[in-house]
Amino acid sequence: MTATQTWTPAERKRAYRAGWGAFVGTTIEWYDFYVYATAAAIYFPTLFFPEQDRFVGTIAALASSAVAFFFRPLGGIIFGHIGDRLGRRPALVITLVMMGVATVAVGCLPTYAAIGVAAPILLLLFRAAQGLAVGGEWGGAALMSVESAPADKKGFFGGFTQLGNPGGALLATGIFYVMELFGKEWMMEWGWRIPFLLSAALIAVGFWVRKKTEETPVFETEVESAEQGAPVWYAIRRNWWPIILGAFIVLVPSGGYTMATTFVQNYATSPAIGFSERHILLAMTIASFVEFLVTLPVAALADKLGSKKVMYIGLIGAVVCMIPLMLAIGGQQLALTYILVSLIRIAMSATWAPLATIMAQMFRPQARYTSMSMAYGLGAALWGGLMPIVSVTLVEMTGTDWSVVWQFIVMAALNFIAMWLAPQYIDELPRTTAVKTSGAR
């Protein structure tokens, strides 16, 4: 089907079912992921690393969160192999269940006060399992939505996958905010576990939705019967350059996003700033809701302007917002911080909403799941996991918020260059005649 062909009712139904399936699944996966990130930023330094001072305990807690990012590439290889061999849907069902089990296990985990050093060790193991799951989740969900969409609506339907990120973040920070209303002492004793345990109910819903989603037409026509060898070797041999570019394309969407969420939450609630956990959780919940509202419209805009142009706008906008955000937090301007954490999430949505479509079209159908997941997982490991730690360390070493601003500017510049160089392929042409669109699209 091309942009000029009729979109039949059956194709429309399939595309929307794939889109909503991607949205529900990724919302649940990202909820699990951000529940941990939120707890690591605010509660885990005390619960699991209490013998450290504030700075060391914070680094340890954020490092435990970063472990998941380092396991994403491995998850991409494992589930990419399943997705390229057996189909996108089986891989996504497995990742959803795996993520849910690991999240519920964290909610049942005794703290350092109960079992000592075994507590942080088990915490790391469960976080690693989350990393494996989300490493295979995003690429498959993106392909489910993009590969099932017509040529002129790939940006919009790719946005359904991206909508799961703010949806999951909204649920995670929203639930923690409600729990905080019962008091800090109750949260530290028991309340922090509830968001983790609630994942069990969400996983049941996601499993039902995933089981009803059809396989993508691109897999059925281009991949299922193709001779490609082991997907990981095909990806390394044929797609090594786009994989490297893809890792840098997620620099701001992943690394910048964790700076605007995990780092900001930790820094704003640190003794140096002194904002209450309740205020920051509410600000982040509002910001996630705002991002949730704008993600699909931004994704649809990518079909009009081009996915790359929308991301360029987002990169510039995110830099413009990061400067006053850091100054507002450093100056202890709470009202301004409320506004700016939402504004930067709007700008970030322009880097995130078109990402699924951009990266899906960077690779030909063969070994696409593996290649895309490797690129995203590698970038997430390098940037998403490390950037909050780098930011905390820079502020501690330099004593100035501007060090984080310059860090963000460099990240955006590298992201911009990688976007310019990235290829974009068209699925609707035969494999042997697939063409690359302009890098400046």
Protein backbone atom coordinates (compact mmCIF):
# COMPACT_ATOMS: atom_id res chain seq x y z
CA MET A 1 0.00 0.00 0.00
CA THR A 2 1.32 3.46 -0.87
CA ALA A 3 0.23 6.93 0.11
CA THR A 4 -1.97 7.17 -3.03
CA GLN A 5 -3.79 3.82 -2.57
CA THR A 6 -7.13 3.37 -0.85
CA TRP A 7 -7.01 2.52 2.83
CA THR A 8 -9.55 -0.26 3.24
CA PRO A 9 -11.70 -0.71 6.38
CA ALA A 10 -9.79 -3.91 7.23
CA GLU A 11 -6.44 -2.09 6.95
CA ARG A 12 -7.76 0.78 9.04
CA LYS A 13 -8.97 -1.60 11.75
CA ARG A 14 -5.66 -3.44 11.75
CA ALA A 15 -3.66 -0.21 12.03
CA TYR A 16 -5.71 1.16 14.92
CA ARG A 17 -5.67 -2.17 16.74
CA ALA A 18 -1.88 -2.30 16.38
CA GLY A 19 -1.59 1.32 17.50
CA TRP A 20 -3.73 0.89 20.60
CA GLY A 21 -2.02 -2.40 21.40
CA ALA A 22 1.35 -0.63 21.24
CA PHE A 23 0.04 2.20 23.41
CA VAL A 24 -1.41 -0.03 26.15
CA GLY A 25 1.64 -2.30 26.24
CA THR A 26 4.24 0.47 26.31
CA THR A 27 2.23 2.44 28.89
CA ILE A 28 2.39 -0.53 31.25
CA GLU A 29 6.06 -1.20 30.50
CA TRP A 30 7.03 2.46 31.00
CA TYR A 31 4.90 2.66 34.14
CA ASP A 32 6.95 -0.18 35.61
CA PHE A 33 10.15 1.48 34.46
CA TYR A 34 9.32 4.93 35.87
CA VAL A 35 7.98 3.57 39.14
CA TYR A 36 11.49 2.31 39.78
CA ALA A 37 13.14 5.52 38.50
CA THR A 38 10.94 7.69 40.73
CA ALA A 39 11.58 5.52 43.78
CA ALA A 40 15.32 5.48 43.04
CA ALA A 41 15.43 9.27 42.86
CA ILE A 42 13.49 9.92 46.07
CA TYR A 43 13.22 6.88 48.37
CA PHE A 44 15.86 4.26 47.57
CA PRO A 45 18.89 6.28 48.75
CA THR A 46 17.50 5.90 52.29
CA LEU A 47 15.80 2.49 51.99
CA PHE A 48 18.55 0.53 50.25
CA PHE A 49 21.75 2.59 50.71
CA PRO A 50 21.33 4.10 54.20
CA GLU A 51 24.96 3.85 55.30
CA GLN A 52 26.11 6.33 52.65
CA ASP A 53 26.02 10.11 52.83
CA ARG A 54 23.44 11.91 50.65
CA PHE A 55 25.67 12.27 47.57
CA VAL A 56 27.07 8.72 47.62
CA GLY A 57 23.67 7.22 48.42
CA THR A 58 22.10 9.14 45.57
CA ILE A 59 24.77 7.99 43.12
CA ALA A 60 24.28 4.40 44.30
CA ALA A 61 20.49 4.59 43.90
CA LEU A 62 20.73 6.20 40.46
CA ALA A 63 23.32 3.62 39.46
CA SER A 64 20.88 0.87 40.43
CA SER A 65 18.35 2.54 38.13
CA ALA A 66 20.97 2.83 35.37
CA VAL A 67 21.58 -0.93 35.45
CA ALA A 68 18.39 -1.40 33.43
CA PHE A 69 19.76 0.80 30.66
CA PHE A 70 22.91 -1.32 30.39
CA PHE A 71 20.83 -4.48 29.95
CA ARG A 72 18.68 -2.96 27.22
CA PRO A 73 21.04 -3.85 24.33
CA LEU A 74 21.07 -7.49 25.44
CA GLY A 75 17.27 -7.43 25.67
CA GLY A 76 17.17 -5.96 22.19
CA ILE A 77 19.30 -8.81 20.82
CA ILE A 78 17.33 -11.56 22.59
CA PHE A 79 13.84 -10.31 21.82
CA GLY A 80 14.90 -8.88 18.47
CA HIS A 81 15.86 -12.42 17.47
CA ILE A 82 12.45 -13.68 18.57
CA GLY A 83 10.69 -10.79 16.84
CA ASP A 84 12.59 -11.18 13.56
CA ARG A 85 12.20 -14.98 13.55
CA LEU A 86 8.81 -15.72 15.10
CA GLY A 87 7.03 -12.38 14.89
CA ARG A 88 6.66 -9.07 16.69
CA ARG A 89 3.69 -10.20 18.79
CA PRO A 90 5.26 -13.21 20.61
CA ALA A 91 8.26 -11.14 21.64
CA LEU A 92 6.04 -8.38 23.02
CA VAL A 93 3.93 -10.76 25.09
CA ILE A 94 7.06 -12.18 26.74
CA THR A 95 8.56 -8.74 27.50
CA LEU A 96 5.32 -7.57 29.09
CA VAL A 97 5.11 -10.53 31.47
CA MET A 98 8.82 -10.35 32.30
CA MET A 99 8.60 -6.66 33.18
CA GLY A 100 5.58 -7.20 35.39
CA VAL A 101 7.12 -10.05 37.38
CA ALA A 102 10.30 -8.03 38.02
CA THR A 103 8.33 -4.95 39.12
CA VAL A 104 6.11 -6.86 41.55
CA ALA A 105 9.22 -8.57 42.94
CA VAL A 106 10.75 -5.16 43.80
CA GLY A 107 7.54 -4.29 45.65
CA CYS A 108 7.96 -7.42 47.78
CA LEU A 109 11.67 -6.90 48.44
CA PRO A 110 12.89 -6.43 52.05
CA THR A 111 14.94 -3.27 52.58
CA TYR A 112 18.53 -2.90 53.78
CA ALA A 113 17.33 -2.63 57.38
CA ALA A 114 15.81 -6.13 57.12
CA ILE A 115 18.35 -8.20 55.17
CA GLY A 116 21.40 -5.97 54.83
CA VAL A 117 23.52 -5.96 51.68
CA ALA A 118 21.37 -8.67 50.06
CA ALA A 119 18.66 -6.05 49.56
CA PRO A 120 20.54 -3.80 47.10
CA ILE A 121 21.95 -6.88 45.33
CA LEU A 122 18.46 -8.29 44.72
CA LEU A 123 17.31 -4.81 43.73
CA LEU A 124 19.97 -4.74 41.00
CA LEU A 125 18.93 -8.18 39.72
CA PHE A 126 15.27 -7.19 39.39
CA ARG A 127 16.23 -3.89 37.73
CA ALA A 128 18.38 -5.84 35.26
CA ALA A 129 15.34 -7.95 34.40
CA GLN A 130 13.38 -4.75 33.77
CA GLY A 131 16.15 -3.60 31.43
CA LEU A 132 16.04 -6.84 29.44
CA ALA A 133 12.27 -6.53 29.07
CA VAL A 134 12.14 -2.88 28.02
CA GLY A 135 15.11 -3.46 25.69
CA GLY A 136 12.93 -5.81 23.67
CA GLU A 137 9.67 -3.93 24.20
CA TRP A 138 10.18 -0.57 22.55
CA GLY A 139 11.49 -1.77 19.18
CA GLY A 140 8.75 -4.36 18.80
CA ALA A 141 5.95 -2.00 19.85
CA ALA A 142 7.24 0.66 17.47
CA LEU A 143 7.30 -1.82 14.60
CA MET A 144 3.80 -3.08 15.43
CA SER A 145 2.41 0.43 15.04
CA VAL A 146 4.59 1.75 12.19
CA GLU A 147 4.59 -1.38 10.02
CA SER A 148 0.78 -1.66 10.28
CA ALA A 149 0.22 1.96 9.24
CA PRO A 150 -0.28 3.42 5.74
CA ALA A 151 2.62 5.32 4.21
CA ASP A 152 1.19 8.78 4.84
CA LYS A 153 0.24 8.12 8.48
CA LYS A 154 3.32 6.33 9.85
CA GLY A 155 4.22 9.32 12.00
CA PHE A 156 0.78 9.43 13.61
CA PHE A 157 0.60 5.70 14.30
CA GLY A 158 4.21 5.60 15.46
CA GLY A 159 3.10 8.17 18.01
CA PHE A 160 0.88 5.57 19.71
CA THR A 161 4.01 3.74 20.82
CA GLN A 162 5.57 6.99 22.02
CA LEU A 163 2.37 7.92 23.85
CA GLY A 164 3.06 5.07 26.24
CA ASN A 165 6.05 6.90 27.71
CA PRO A 166 4.18 9.93 29.11
CA GLY A 167 1.26 7.64 29.89
CA GLY A 168 3.46 5.41 32.03
CA ALA A 169 5.21 8.38 33.62
CA LEU A 170 1.84 9.97 34.40
CA LEU A 171 0.63 6.84 36.16
CA ALA A 172 3.91 6.36 38.04
CA THR A 173 4.35 9.89 39.39
CA GLY A 174 0.60 10.28 39.93
CA ILE A 175 0.39 7.19 42.13
CA PHE A 176 3.47 8.23 44.11
CA TYR A 177 1.93 11.68 44.60
CA VAL A 178 -1.27 10.15 45.99
CA MET A 179 0.77 7.90 48.27
CA GLU A 180 2.72 10.93 49.55
CA LEU A 181 -0.55 12.45 50.82
CA PHE A 182 -0.51 9.84 53.59
CA GLY A 183 2.76 11.24 54.93
CA LYS A 184 6.49 10.75 54.50
CA GLU A 185 6.83 8.30 57.39
CA TRP A 186 4.14 6.00 55.98
CA MET A 187 5.77 6.17 52.53
CA MET A 188 9.16 5.11 53.86
CA GLU A 189 7.66 2.24 55.88
CA TRP A 190 5.24 0.71 53.39
CA GLY A 191 3.67 3.15 50.93
CA TRP A 192 6.52 3.04 48.40
CA ARG A 193 5.68 -0.62 47.69
CA ILE A 194 2.12 -0.05 46.48
CA PRO A 195 2.97 1.39 43.02
CA PHE A 196 5.16 -1.67 42.36
CA LEU A 197 2.50 -4.16 43.47
CA LEU A 198 -0.20 -2.50 41.34
CA SER A 199 1.74 -3.62 38.27
CA ALA A 200 0.21 -7.10 38.62
CA ALA A 201 -3.24 -5.81 37.63
CA LEU A 202 -1.87 -3.72 34.77
CA ILE A 203 0.07 -6.65 33.33
CA ALA A 204 -3.11 -8.74 33.15
CA VAL A 205 -4.79 -6.02 31.07
CA GLY A 206 -1.77 -5.62 28.80
CA PHE A 207 -1.45 -9.36 28.26
CA TRP A 208 -5.07 -9.56 27.09
CA VAL A 209 -4.60 -6.63 24.68
CA ARG A 210 -1.35 -8.00 23.25
CA LYS A 211 -2.85 -11.44 22.61
CA LYS A 212 -5.58 -9.87 20.44
CA THR A 213 -3.18 -7.80 18.29
CA GLU A 214 -2.42 -9.10 14.77
CA GLU A 215 1.06 -9.60 13.34
CA THR A 216 2.35 -6.76 11.14
CA PRO A 217 1.91 -6.98 7.34
CA VAL A 218 5.58 -6.10 6.78
CA PHE A 219 6.68 -9.12 8.83
CA GLU A 220 4.26 -11.39 6.98
CA THR A 221 5.27 -10.24 3.48
CA GLU A 222 8.90 -9.10 3.81
CA VAL A 223 10.47 -10.95 6.74
CA GLU A 224 8.73 -14.21 7.63
CA SER A 225 9.91 -16.15 4.56
CA ALA A 226 13.14 -14.22 3.90
CA GLU A 227 16.58 -15.82 4.13
CA GLN A 228 18.59 -13.56 6.40
CA GLY A 229 20.64 -15.81 8.70
CA ALA A 230 20.84 -14.96 12.39
CA PRO A 231 19.25 -11.50 12.81
CA VAL A 232 22.01 -10.23 15.12
CA TRP A 233 24.75 -11.06 12.60
CA TYR A 234 22.76 -9.55 9.75
CA ALA A 235 22.27 -6.42 11.85
CA ILE A 236 25.97 -6.08 12.70
CA ARG A 237 27.12 -6.84 9.17
CA ARG A 238 24.62 -4.79 7.18
CA ASN A 239 23.28 -2.18 9.61
CA TRP A 240 26.28 -1.22 11.75
CA TRP A 241 26.33 2.44 10.62
CA PRO A 242 22.59 3.12 11.12
CA ILE A 243 22.84 1.39 14.51
CA ILE A 244 25.58 3.81 15.58
CA LEU A 245 23.59 6.78 14.26
CA GLY A 246 20.48 5.48 16.03
CA ALA A 247 22.34 5.33 19.34
CA PHE A 248 23.12 9.05 19.01
CA ILE A 249 19.59 9.90 17.81
CA VAL A 250 18.22 8.79 21.21
CA LEU A 251 20.74 10.98 23.07
CA VAL A 252 18.20 13.66 23.99
CA PRO A 253 14.99 11.56 23.77
CA SER A 254 16.52 9.11 26.29
CA GLY A 255 19.37 10.88 28.09
CA GLY A 256 17.75 14.29 28.06
CA TYR A 257 14.48 12.80 29.23
CA THR A 258 16.06 11.13 32.27
CA MET A 259 17.75 14.44 33.05
CA ALA A 260 14.40 16.25 32.88
CA THR A 261 12.74 13.65 35.10
CA THR A 262 15.00 11.50 37.32
CA PHE A 263 17.78 14.08 37.78
CA VAL A 264 15.42 17.01 38.24
CA GLN A 265 13.41 15.11 40.88
CA ASN A 266 16.55 14.18 42.78
CA TYR A 267 18.20 17.61 42.54
CA ALA A 268 15.06 19.56 43.44
CA THR A 269 14.46 17.45 46.57
CA SER A 270 18.12 17.50 47.67
CA PRO A 271 19.09 19.41 50.84
CA ALA A 272 20.75 22.08 48.69
CA ILE A 273 17.38 23.03 47.13
CA GLY A 274 14.87 21.71 49.63
CA PHE A 275 11.67 21.34 47.57
CA SER A 276 9.32 18.79 49.13
CA GLU A 277 8.81 15.41 47.47
CA ARG A 278 5.08 16.15 47.26
CA HIS A 279 5.62 19.33 45.24
CA ILE A 280 8.02 17.71 42.79
CA LEU A 281 5.84 14.65 42.30
CA LEU A 282 2.85 16.88 41.59
CA ALA A 283 4.89 18.98 39.14
CA MET A 284 6.06 15.84 37.35
CA THR A 285 2.53 14.43 37.25
CA ILE A 286 1.22 17.62 35.65
CA ALA A 287 4.13 17.61 33.20
CA SER A 288 3.45 13.99 32.23
CA PHE A 289 -0.22 14.82 31.65
CA VAL A 290 0.71 17.77 29.43
CA GLU A 291 3.15 15.61 27.47
CA PHE A 292 0.48 12.92 27.14
CA LEU A 293 -1.89 15.46 25.56
CA VAL A 294 0.58 16.79 23.00
CA THR A 295 2.33 13.56 21.91
CA LEU A 296 -0.16 12.36 19.29
CA PRO A 297 -0.70 15.82 17.74
CA VAL A 298 3.08 16.22 17.49
CA ALA A 299 3.34 12.77 15.90
CA ALA A 300 0.64 13.71 13.38
CA LEU A 301 2.56 16.92 12.64
CA ALA A 302 5.50 14.75 11.63
CA ASP A 303 3.42 13.40 8.75
CA LYS A 304 2.97 16.97 7.50
CA LEU A 305 6.41 18.49 8.10
CA GLY A 306 8.59 15.36 8.14
CA SER A 307 9.69 13.42 11.20
CA LYS A 308 13.22 14.79 11.17
CA LYS A 309 12.12 18.42 11.03
CA VAL A 310 9.89 17.90 14.05
CA MET A 311 12.80 16.40 15.98
CA TYR A 312 15.06 19.31 15.03
CA ILE A 313 12.44 21.68 16.46
CA GLY A 314 12.26 19.58 19.62
CA LEU A 315 16.03 19.59 20.13
CA ILE A 316 16.21 23.37 19.90
CA GLY A 317 13.15 23.82 22.11
CA ALA A 318 14.50 21.46 24.78
CA VAL A 319 17.75 23.44 25.03
CA VAL A 320 15.82 26.70 25.30
CA CYS A 321 13.73 25.26 28.16
CA MET A 322 16.57 23.58 30.04
CA ILE A 323 18.38 26.86 30.73
CA PRO A 324 15.60 28.59 32.72
CA LEU A 325 14.57 25.27 34.32
CA MET A 326 17.98 24.77 35.93
CA LEU A 327 18.15 28.43 36.98
CA ALA A 328 14.67 28.26 38.50
CA ILE A 329 15.51 25.15 40.54
CA GLY A 330 18.87 26.59 41.60
CA GLY A 331 17.12 29.82 42.62
CA GLN A 332 14.47 27.84 44.54
CA GLN A 333 11.67 29.33 42.44
CA LEU A 334 8.99 26.69 43.01
CA ALA A 335 6.16 28.26 40.96
CA LEU A 336 8.47 28.79 37.98
CA THR A 337 9.74 25.23 38.31
CA TYR A 338 6.17 23.92 38.05
CA ILE A 339 5.77 25.75 34.73
CA LEU A 340 9.16 24.88 33.26
CA VAL A 341 9.05 21.12 33.96
CA SER A 342 5.91 21.06 31.80
CA LEU A 343 7.39 23.28 29.09
CA ILE A 344 10.49 21.13 28.69
CA ARG A 345 8.32 18.01 28.43
CA ILE A 346 6.39 19.66 25.58
CA ALA A 347 9.68 20.35 23.80
CA MET A 348 10.91 16.83 24.60
CA SER A 349 7.75 15.38 23.06
CA ALA A 350 8.91 16.74 19.70
CA THR A 351 12.07 14.63 20.05
CA TRP A 352 10.17 11.61 21.35
CA ALA A 353 6.92 11.48 19.35
CA PRO A 354 8.55 10.96 15.90
CA LEU A 355 11.31 8.67 17.21
CA ALA A 356 9.52 5.37 16.51
CA THR A 357 8.89 6.29 12.88
CA ILE A 358 12.39 7.69 12.32
CA MET A 359 14.15 4.63 13.72
CA ALA A 360 11.80 2.09 12.11
CA GLN A 361 12.58 3.62 8.71
CA MET A 362 16.34 3.68 9.29
CA PHE A 363 16.52 -0.07 8.59
CA ARG A 364 15.27 -2.35 5.84
CA PRO A 365 12.74 -5.01 6.99
CA GLN A 366 15.33 -7.79 7.41
CA ALA A 367 16.58 -7.88 11.02
CA ARG A 368 14.77 -4.58 11.61
CA TYR A 369 13.54 -5.52 15.09
CA THR A 370 17.05 -6.55 16.16
CA SER A 371 18.78 -3.57 14.52
CA MET A 372 16.33 -1.02 15.88
CA SER A 373 16.39 -2.50 19.39
CA MET A 374 20.20 -2.63 19.39
CA ALA A 375 20.43 1.02 18.36
CA TYR A 376 17.89 2.15 20.92
CA GLY A 377 19.29 -0.10 23.65
CA LEU A 378 22.86 1.03 23.06
CA GLY A 379 21.85 4.68 23.12
CA ALA A 380 19.71 4.20 26.22
CA ALA A 381 22.57 2.45 28.01
CA LEU A 382 25.05 5.21 27.17
CA TRP A 383 22.78 8.20 27.67
CA GLY A 384 19.62 7.30 29.57
CA GLY A 385 21.43 5.47 32.33
CA LEU A 386 24.48 7.69 32.70
CA MET A 387 23.24 11.24 32.13
CA PRO A 388 21.48 11.68 35.52
CA ILE A 389 24.63 10.39 37.26
CA VAL A 390 26.81 12.73 35.20
CA SER A 391 24.49 15.64 36.01
CA VAL A 392 24.55 14.98 39.77
CA THR A 393 28.34 14.67 39.67
CA LEU A 394 28.77 17.87 37.64
CA VAL A 395 26.69 19.89 40.09
CA GLU A 396 28.62 18.41 43.03
CA MET A 397 32.02 19.10 41.43
CA THR A 398 31.38 22.54 39.92
CA GLY A 399 28.81 23.93 42.34
CA THR A 400 26.90 25.53 39.47
CA ASP A 401 23.74 24.66 37.55
CA TRP A 402 25.33 25.88 34.32
CA SER A 403 27.45 22.74 34.10
CA VAL A 404 24.25 20.73 33.50
CA VAL A 405 23.04 23.28 30.93
CA TRP A 406 26.26 22.92 28.92
CA GLN A 407 26.01 19.15 29.22
CA PHE A 408 22.54 19.33 27.66
CA ILE A 409 23.66 21.65 24.86
CA VAL A 410 26.45 19.27 23.81
CA MET A 411 24.01 16.35 23.85
CA ALA A 412 21.54 18.22 21.62
CA ALA A 413 24.28 19.17 19.14
CA LEU A 414 25.44 15.55 18.75
CA ASN A 415 21.82 14.41 18.42
CA PHE A 416 21.23 17.01 15.68
CA ILE A 417 24.23 15.79 13.63
CA ALA A 418 23.19 12.13 13.91
CA MET A 419 19.67 13.02 12.75
CA TRP A 420 21.05 14.79 9.69
CA LEU A 421 23.07 11.74 8.67
CA ALA A 422 20.38 9.11 9.34
CA PRO A 423 18.91 7.24 6.33
CA GLN A 424 15.16 6.77 5.88
CA TYR A 425 13.83 3.81 3.85
CA ILE A 426 10.38 3.30 2.34
CA ASP A 427 8.66 -0.01 3.13
CA GLU A 428 6.20 0.14 0.27
CA LEU A 429 8.87 -0.42 -2.39
CA PRO A 430 10.22 -3.92 -3.04
CA ARG A 431 13.21 -4.95 -0.97
CA THR A 432 15.54 -4.86 -3.93
CA THR A 433 14.59 -1.30 -4.87
CA ALA A 434 14.21 0.32 -1.48
CA VAL A 435 15.36 3.91 -1.61
CA LYS A 436 16.77 6.30 0.94
CA THR A 437 15.13 9.66 1.43
CA SER A 438 17.02 12.88 1.96
CA GLY A 439 18.91 13.11 5.21
CA ALA A 440 17.44 16.57 5.80
CA ARG A 441 13.87 15.38 5.76
